[in-house]
């Protein structure tokens, strides 16, 4: 009698093909190597971090879009690309605040506006 229990593994996991912009594959490979992970593990980790950050800093509607996003695409593009997901989320939320609240937050952080 065979009592072996099969545990779901990478062979049975959901698969999704993504088209990457030129150069991104090498960037992912470099970062993954730096963290001693596979490219797949690096991508999954970053997606999980991004989804977690979004759940903390921006409510997602049932349609899958972030609510309270008043920032234009042009402003979003000005955020440096070397930031992690949490840093990017903080900048986006800061930009959504009225000027008086931005100033108050900077004062709270010990920065002079």
Protein backbone atom coordinates (compact mmCIF):
# COMPACT_ATOMS: atom_id res chain seq x y z
CA UNK A 1 0.00 0.00 0.00
CA UNK A 2 1.40 3.41 -1.02
CA UNK A 3 0.98 5.98 1.79
CA UNK A 4 3.20 8.66 0.25
CA UNK A 5 1.64 12.13 0.38
CA UNK A 6 2.49 14.46 -2.46
CA UNK A 7 3.26 18.02 -1.42
CA UNK A 8 2.60 20.74 -3.99
CA UNK A 9 5.87 22.02 -5.33
CA UNK A 10 7.24 24.29 -8.01
CA UNK A 11 6.16 21.89 -10.76
CA UNK A 12 2.49 22.24 -9.80
CA UNK A 13 2.56 25.96 -8.90
CA UNK A 14 0.69 28.48 -11.02
CA UNK A 15 2.75 29.76 -13.92
CA UNK A 16 2.49 33.12 -15.64
CA UNK A 17 4.56 34.39 -18.56
CA UNK A 18 5.74 38.00 -18.31
CA UNK A 19 7.32 40.07 -21.05
CA UNK A 20 10.13 42.13 -19.54
CA UNK A 21 11.46 45.40 -20.95
CA UNK A 22 14.97 45.32 -22.40
CA UNK A 23 17.59 45.02 -19.68
CA UNK A 24 15.22 44.14 -16.84
CA UNK A 25 16.00 40.42 -16.96
CA UNK A 26 19.68 41.13 -16.32
CA UNK A 27 18.85 43.55 -13.50
CA UNK A 28 16.70 40.88 -11.84
CA UNK A 29 19.45 38.30 -12.31
CA UNK A 30 22.02 40.63 -10.72
CA UNK A 31 19.82 41.47 -7.73
CA UNK A 32 18.84 37.82 -7.23
CA UNK A 33 22.49 36.79 -7.27
CA UNK A 34 23.29 39.51 -4.71
CA UNK A 35 20.60 38.12 -2.37
CA UNK A 36 21.58 34.49 -3.10
CA UNK A 37 18.15 33.71 -4.56
CA UNK A 38 16.83 32.43 -7.83
CA UNK A 39 15.33 34.96 -10.23
CA UNK A 40 11.91 33.43 -9.58
CA UNK A 41 12.31 33.80 -5.80
CA UNK A 42 13.44 37.41 -6.23
CA UNK A 43 10.45 38.28 -8.41
CA UNK A 44 7.97 36.57 -6.08
CA UNK A 45 9.53 38.27 -3.04
CA UNK A 46 9.28 41.69 -4.65
CA UNK A 47 5.69 41.10 -5.75
CA UNK A 48 4.76 40.02 -2.23
CA UNK A 49 6.47 43.09 -0.76
CA UNK A 50 4.70 45.37 -3.22
CA UNK A 51 1.29 43.84 -2.54
CA UNK A 52 1.88 44.02 1.22
CA UNK A 53 2.93 47.68 0.98
CA UNK A 54 -0.08 48.51 -1.13
CA UNK A 55 -2.36 46.91 1.45
CA UNK A 56 -0.75 49.06 4.16
CA UNK A 57 -0.60 52.37 2.33
CA UNK A 58 -3.41 52.29 -0.19
CA UNK A 59 -6.72 50.48 -0.04
CA UNK A 60 -7.34 48.41 -3.14
CA UNK A 61 -10.87 48.40 -4.51
CA UNK A 62 -12.56 45.26 -5.76
CA UNK A 63 -11.64 46.27 -9.31
CA UNK A 64 -7.99 46.06 -8.28
CA UNK A 65 -7.18 49.76 -8.54
CA UNK A 66 -5.71 51.81 -5.73
CA UNK A 67 -8.17 54.27 -4.25
CA UNK A 68 -7.30 57.88 -3.40
CA UNK A 69 -4.70 58.09 -6.12
CA UNK A 70 -4.74 61.71 -7.24
CA UNK A 71 -1.16 61.77 -8.41
CA UNK A 72 -0.63 62.07 -12.16
CA UNK A 73 1.45 59.58 -14.14
CA UNK A 74 3.99 62.34 -14.72
CA UNK A 75 4.47 62.81 -10.96
CA UNK A 76 4.73 59.05 -10.40
CA UNK A 77 7.48 58.81 -12.99
CA UNK A 78 9.57 61.32 -11.02
CA UNK A 79 9.97 58.86 -8.13
CA UNK A 80 13.51 57.43 -8.28
CA UNK A 81 13.61 53.83 -9.45
CA UNK A 82 16.18 52.71 -6.87
CA UNK A 83 13.67 52.94 -4.01
CA UNK A 84 12.07 49.87 -2.49
CA UNK A 85 8.30 49.43 -2.45
CA UNK A 86 7.84 50.91 1.03
CA UNK A 87 9.86 54.02 0.18
CA UNK A 88 7.92 54.52 -3.05
CA UNK A 89 4.61 54.11 -1.22
CA UNK A 90 5.66 56.68 1.39
CA UNK A 91 6.57 59.21 -1.29
CA UNK A 92 3.30 58.64 -3.13
CA UNK A 93 1.25 59.07 0.05
CA UNK A 94 3.26 62.15 1.07
CA UNK A 95 2.53 63.75 -2.30
CA UNK A 96 -1.19 63.18 -1.78
CA UNK A 97 -1.21 65.17 1.46
CA UNK A 98 -2.10 68.88 1.52
CA UNK A 99 0.92 71.19 1.81
CA UNK A 100 0.20 72.00 5.47
CA UNK A 101 0.18 68.30 6.40
CA UNK A 102 3.38 67.68 4.43
CA UNK A 103 5.05 70.50 6.35
CA UNK A 104 3.75 69.16 9.69
CA UNK A 105 5.02 65.67 8.87
CA UNK A 106 8.47 67.00 7.95
CA UNK A 107 8.58 68.95 11.22
CA UNK A 108 7.59 65.81 13.11
CA UNK A 109 10.47 63.98 11.44
CA UNK A 110 12.87 66.74 12.47
CA UNK A 111 13.22 68.20 9.01
CA UNK A 112 12.81 71.90 8.29
CA UNK A 113 10.51 72.74 5.42
